Amino acid sequence: TGGQGTSDGPSLVGVGAAAVDFQVGT
């Protein structure tokens, strides 16, 4: 819920806007 990550997905804290734009944009 806060981007801290779970067993099904890594933490998104500190990945930055570029990582989101790449992963979601592709």
PDB file of all heavy atoms in Angstrom:
ATOM      1  N   THR A   1       0.803  -1.220   0.000  1.00  0.00           N
ATOM      2  CA  THR A   1       0.000   0.000   0.000  1.00  0.00           C
ATOM      3  C   THR A   1       0.838   1.273   0.000  1.00  0.00           C
ATOM      4  O   THR A   1       0.409   2.309  -0.458  1.00  0.00           O
ATOM      5  CB  THR A   1      -0.931   0.017   1.233  1.00  0.00           C
ATOM      6  OG1 THR A   1      -0.138  -0.156   2.422  1.00  0.00           O
ATOM      7  CG2 THR A   1      -1.950  -1.108   1.154  1.00  0.00           C
ATOM      8  N   GLY A   2       2.069   1.185   0.520  1.00  0.00           N
ATOM      9  CA  GLY A   2       2.950   2.350   0.540  1.00  0.00           C
ATOM     10  C   GLY A   2       4.183   2.176  -0.325  1.00  0.00           C
ATOM     11  O   GLY A   2       5.163   2.910  -0.157  1.00  0.00           O
ATOM     12  N   GLY A   3       4.142   1.208  -1.237  1.00  0.00           N
ATOM     13  CA  GLY A   3       5.279   0.974  -2.110  1.00  0.00           C
ATOM     14  C   GLY A   3       6.432   0.264  -1.444  1.00  0.00           C
ATOM     15  O   GLY A   3       7.537   0.213  -1.975  1.00  0.00           O
ATOM     16  N   GLN A   4       6.196  -0.305  -0.256  1.00  0.00           N
ATOM     17  CA  GLN A   4       7.274  -0.936   0.505  1.00  0.00           C
ATOM     18  C   GLN A   4       7.636  -2.316  -0.015  1.00  0.00           C
ATOM     19  O   GLN A   4       8.646  -2.892   0.369  1.00  0.00           O
ATOM     20  CB  GLN A   4       6.892  -1.026   1.984  1.00  0.00           C
ATOM     21  CG  GLN A   4       5.826  -2.077   2.305  1.00  0.00           C
ATOM     22  CD  GLN A   4       4.406  -1.582   2.093  1.00  0.00           C
ATOM     23  OE1 GLN A   4       4.185  -0.529   1.487  1.00  0.00           O
ATOM     24  NE2 GLN A   4       3.433  -2.338   2.593  1.00  0.00           N
ATOM     25  N   GLY A   5       6.813  -2.865  -0.916  1.00  0.00           N
ATOM     26  CA  GLY A   5       7.083  -4.178  -1.481  1.00  0.00           C
ATOM     27  C   GLY A   5       6.433  -5.294  -0.694  1.00  0.00           C
ATOM     28  O   GLY A   5       6.130  -5.145   0.494  1.00  0.00           O
ATOM     29  N   THR A   6       6.194  -6.427  -1.360  1.00  0.00           N
ATOM     30  CA  THR A   6       5.655  -7.629  -0.723  1.00  0.00           C
ATOM     31  C   THR A   6       6.388  -8.836  -1.304  1.00  0.00           C
ATOM     32  O   THR A   6       7.334  -8.699  -2.084  1.00  0.00           O
ATOM     33  CB  THR A   6       4.140  -7.773  -0.991  1.00  0.00           C
ATOM     34  OG1 THR A   6       3.941  -8.054  -2.391  1.00  0.00           O
ATOM     35  CG2 THR A   6       3.380  -6.505  -0.630  1.00  0.00           C
ATOM     36  N   SER A   7       5.931 -10.011  -0.944  1.00  0.00           N
ATOM     37  CA  SER A   7       6.536 -11.233  -1.487  1.00  0.00           C
ATOM     38  C   SER A   7       6.260 -11.360  -2.989  1.00  0.00           C
ATOM     39  O   SER A   7       6.950 -12.109  -3.686  1.00  0.00           O
ATOM     40  CB  SER A   7       5.994 -12.461  -0.752  1.00  0.00           C
ATOM     41  OG  SER A   7       4.571 -12.521  -0.850  1.00  0.00           O
ATOM     42  N   ASP A   8       5.264 -10.629  -3.490  1.00  0.00           N
ATOM     43  CA  ASP A   8       4.909 -10.703  -4.906  1.00  0.00           C
ATOM     44  C   ASP A   8       5.518  -9.583  -5.749  1.00  0.00           C
ATOM     45  O   ASP A   8       5.413  -9.596  -6.971  1.00  0.00           O
ATOM     46  CB  ASP A   8       3.378 -10.657  -5.075  1.00  0.00           C
ATOM     47  CG  ASP A   8       2.703 -11.871  -4.479  1.00  0.00           C
ATOM     48  OD1 ASP A   8       3.286 -12.975  -4.586  1.00  0.00           O
ATOM     49  OD2 ASP A   8       1.615 -11.723  -3.903  1.00  0.00           O
ATOM     50  N   GLY A   9       6.139  -8.597  -5.110  1.00  0.00           N
ATOM     51  CA  GLY A   9       6.706  -7.480  -5.859  1.00  0.00           C
ATOM     52  C   GLY A   9       7.722  -6.719  -5.039  1.00  0.00           C
ATOM     53  O   GLY A   9       7.590  -6.614  -3.814  1.00  0.00           O
ATOM     54  N   PRO A  10       8.749  -6.167  -5.683  1.00  0.00           N
ATOM     55  CA  PRO A  10       9.803  -5.453  -4.950  1.00  0.00           C
ATOM     56  C   PRO A  10       9.344  -4.090  -4.447  1.00  0.00           C
ATOM     57  O   PRO A  10       8.321  -3.554  -4.893  1.00  0.00           O
ATOM     58  CB  PRO A  10      10.902  -5.294  -6.006  1.00  0.00           C
ATOM     59  CG  PRO A  10      10.156  -5.255  -7.310  1.00  0.00           C
ATOM     60  CD  PRO A  10       9.001  -6.194  -7.135  1.00  0.00           C
ATOM     61  N   SER A  11      10.134  -3.526  -3.552  1.00  0.00           N
ATOM     62  CA  SER A  11       9.866  -2.176  -3.063  1.00  0.00           C
ATOM     63  C   SER A  11      10.071  -1.160  -4.184  1.00  0.00           C
ATOM     64  O   SER A  11      10.956  -1.302  -5.022  1.00  0.00           O
ATOM     65  CB  SER A  11      10.809  -1.856  -1.904  1.00  0.00           C
ATOM     66  OG  SER A  11      10.728  -0.483  -1.552  1.00  0.00           O
ATOM     67  N   LEU A  12       9.233  -0.136  -4.182  1.00  0.00           N
ATOM     68  CA  LEU A  12       9.345   0.932  -5.179  1.00  0.00           C
ATOM     69  C   LEU A  12       9.879   2.219  -4.568  1.00  0.00           C
ATOM     70  O   LEU A  12       9.954   3.241  -5.259  1.00  0.00           O
ATOM     71  CB  LEU A  12       7.970   1.199  -5.812  1.00  0.00           C
ATOM     72  CG  LEU A  12       7.332   0.023  -6.556  1.00  0.00           C
ATOM     73  CD1 LEU A  12       5.987   0.430  -7.149  1.00  0.00           C
ATOM     74  CD2 LEU A  12       8.260  -0.510  -7.646  1.00  0.00           C
ATOM     75  N   VAL A  13      10.260   2.180  -3.314  1.00  0.00           N
ATOM     76  CA  VAL A  13      10.794   3.363  -2.656  1.00  0.00           C
ATOM     77  C   VAL A  13      12.190   3.653  -3.206  1.00  0.00           C
ATOM     78  O   VAL A  13      13.101   2.827  -3.108  1.00  0.00           O
ATOM     79  CB  VAL A  13      10.858   3.177  -1.132  1.00  0.00           C
ATOM     80  CG1 VAL A  13      11.477   4.399  -0.471  1.00  0.00           C
ATOM     81  CG2 VAL A  13       9.472   2.901  -0.573  1.00  0.00           C
ATOM     82  N   GLY A  14      12.351   4.810  -3.845  1.00  0.00           N
ATOM     83  CA  GLY A  14      13.645   5.205  -4.373  1.00  0.00           C
ATOM     84  C   GLY A  14      13.928   4.768  -5.800  1.00  0.00           C
ATOM     85  O   GLY A  14      15.018   5.037  -6.307  1.00  0.00           O
ATOM     86  N   VAL A  15      12.973   4.106  -6.466  1.00  0.00           N
ATOM     87  CA  VAL A  15      13.235   3.693  -7.858  1.00  0.00           C
ATOM     88  C   VAL A  15      13.150   4.878  -8.810  1.00  0.00           C
ATOM     89  O   VAL A  15      13.731   4.855  -9.902  1.00  0.00           O
ATOM     90  CB  VAL A  15      12.276   2.573  -8.302  1.00  0.00           C
ATOM     91  CG1 VAL A  15      12.409   1.363  -7.411  1.00  0.00           C
ATOM     92  CG2 VAL A  15      10.814   3.063  -8.343  1.00  0.00           C
ATOM     93  N   GLY A  16      12.398   5.916  -8.429  1.00  0.00           N
ATOM     94  CA  GLY A  16      12.320   7.120  -9.243  1.00  0.00           C
ATOM     95  C   GLY A  16      11.257   7.069 -10.322  1.00  0.00           C
ATOM     96  O   GLY A  16      10.729   6.013 -10.663  1.00  0.00           O
ATOM     97  N   ALA A  17      10.994   8.236 -10.889  1.00  0.00           N
ATOM     98  CA  ALA A  17       9.965   8.362 -11.927  1.00  0.00           C
ATOM     99  C   ALA A  17      10.368   7.655 -13.211  1.00  0.00           C
ATOM    100  O   ALA A  17       9.519   7.151 -13.951  1.00  0.00           O
ATOM    101  CB  ALA A  17       9.681   9.843 -12.200  1.00  0.00           C
ATOM    102  N   ALA A  18      11.672   7.605 -13.515  1.00  0.00           N
ATOM    103  CA  ALA A  18      12.133   6.989 -14.766  1.00  0.00           C
ATOM    104  C   ALA A  18      11.789   5.509 -14.816  1.00  0.00           C
ATOM    105  O   ALA A  18      11.408   4.976 -15.864  1.00  0.00           O
ATOM    106  CB  ALA A  18      13.636   7.193 -14.929  1.00  0.00           C
ATOM    107  N   ALA A  19      11.937   4.811 -13.695  1.00  0.00           N
ATOM    108  CA  ALA A  19      11.620   3.379 -13.654  1.00  0.00           C
ATOM    109  C   ALA A  19      10.139   3.141 -13.906  1.00  0.00           C
ATOM    110  O   ALA A  19       9.756   2.200 -14.615  1.00  0.00           O
ATOM    111  CB  ALA A  19      12.033   2.794 -12.299  1.00  0.00           C
ATOM    112  N   VAL A  20       9.293   3.992 -13.345  1.00  0.00           N
ATOM    113  CA  VAL A  20       7.851   3.867 -13.552  1.00  0.00           C
ATOM    114  C   VAL A  20       7.498   4.129 -15.008  1.00  0.00           C
ATOM    115  O   VAL A  20       6.728   3.379 -15.630  1.00  0.00           O
ATOM    116  CB  VAL A  20       7.085   4.834 -12.634  1.00  0.00           C
ATOM    117  CG1 VAL A  20       5.584   4.728 -12.882  1.00  0.00           C
ATOM    118  CG2 VAL A  20       7.407   4.555 -11.181  1.00  0.00           C
ATOM    119  N   ASP A  21       8.065   5.181 -15.572  1.00  0.00           N
ATOM    120  CA  ASP A  21       7.775   5.526 -16.968  1.00  0.00           C
ATOM    121  C   ASP A  21       8.192   4.390 -17.900  1.00  0.00           C
ATOM    122  O   ASP A  21       7.487   4.079 -18.865  1.00  0.00           O
ATOM    123  CB  ASP A  21       8.501   6.815 -17.344  1.00  0.00           C
ATOM    124  CG  ASP A  21       8.056   7.363 -18.685  1.00  0.00           C
ATOM    125  OD1 ASP A  21       6.953   7.950 -18.746  1.00  0.00           O
ATOM    126  OD2 ASP A  21       8.789   7.194 -19.686  1.00  0.00           O
ATOM    127  N   PHE A  22       9.327   3.737 -17.598  1.00  0.00           N
ATOM    128  CA  PHE A  22       9.780   2.626 -18.439  1.00  0.00           C
ATOM    129  C   PHE A  22       8.881   1.403 -18.270  1.00  0.00           C
ATOM    130  O   PHE A  22       8.378   0.838 -19.247  1.00  0.00           O
ATOM    131  CB  PHE A  22      11.226   2.251 -18.091  1.00  0.00           C
ATOM    132  CG  PHE A  22      11.688   0.995 -18.778  1.00  0.00           C
ATOM    133  CD1 PHE A  22      12.144   1.045 -20.090  1.00  0.00           C
ATOM    134  CD2 PHE A  22      11.638  -0.227 -18.124  1.00  0.00           C
ATOM    135  CE1 PHE A  22      12.552  -0.122 -20.732  1.00  0.00           C
ATOM    136  CE2 PHE A  22      12.046  -1.392 -18.761  1.00  0.00           C
ATOM    137  CZ  PHE A  22      12.507  -1.330 -20.066  1.00  0.00           C
ATOM    138  N   GLN A  23       8.694   0.962 -17.025  1.00  0.00           N
ATOM    139  CA  GLN A  23       7.974  -0.280 -16.786  1.00  0.00           C
ATOM    140  C   GLN A  23       6.514  -0.199 -17.228  1.00  0.00           C
ATOM    141  O   GLN A  23       5.991  -1.136 -17.849  1.00  0.00           O
ATOM    142  CB  GLN A  23       8.042  -0.645 -15.290  1.00  0.00           C
ATOM    143  CG  GLN A  23       9.432  -0.960 -14.774  1.00  0.00           C
ATOM    144  CD  GLN A  23       9.937  -2.320 -15.212  1.00  0.00           C
ATOM    145  OE1 GLN A  23       9.260  -3.052 -15.920  1.00  0.00           O
ATOM    146  NE2 GLN A  23      11.135  -2.661 -14.799  1.00  0.00           N
ATOM    147  N   VAL A  24       5.855   0.908 -16.916  1.00  0.00           N
ATOM    148  CA  VAL A  24       4.439   1.052 -17.273  1.00  0.00           C
ATOM    149  C   VAL A  24       4.296   1.452 -18.744  1.00  0.00           C
ATOM    150  O   VAL A  24       3.395   0.981 -19.434  1.00  0.00           O
ATOM    151  CB  VAL A  24       3.755   2.080 -16.348  1.00  0.00           C
ATOM    152  CG1 VAL A  24       2.274   2.200 -16.695  1.00  0.00           C
ATOM    153  CG2 VAL A  24       3.924   1.684 -14.890  1.00  0.00           C
ATOM    154  N   GLY A  25       5.214   2.297 -19.223  1.00  0.00           N
ATOM    155  CA  GLY A  25       5.129   2.740 -20.618  1.00  0.00           C
ATOM    156  C   GLY A  25       5.370   1.638 -21.619  1.00  0.00           C
ATOM    157  O   GLY A  25       4.855   1.686 -22.746  1.00  0.00           O
ATOM    158  N   THR A  26       6.152   0.615 -21.259  1.00  0.00           N
ATOM    159  CA  THR A  26       6.395  -0.522 -22.149  1.00  0.00           C
ATOM    160  C   THR A  26       5.419  -1.668 -21.898  1.00  0.00           C
ATOM    161  O   THR A  26       5.535  -2.725 -22.523  1.00  0.00           O
ATOM    162  CB  THR A  26       7.834  -1.054 -21.979  1.00  0.00           C
ATOM    163  OG1 THR A  26       8.030  -1.468 -20.627  1.00  0.00           O
ATOM    164  CG2 THR A  26       8.858   0.023 -22.336  1.00  0.00           C
TER     165      THR A  26
END
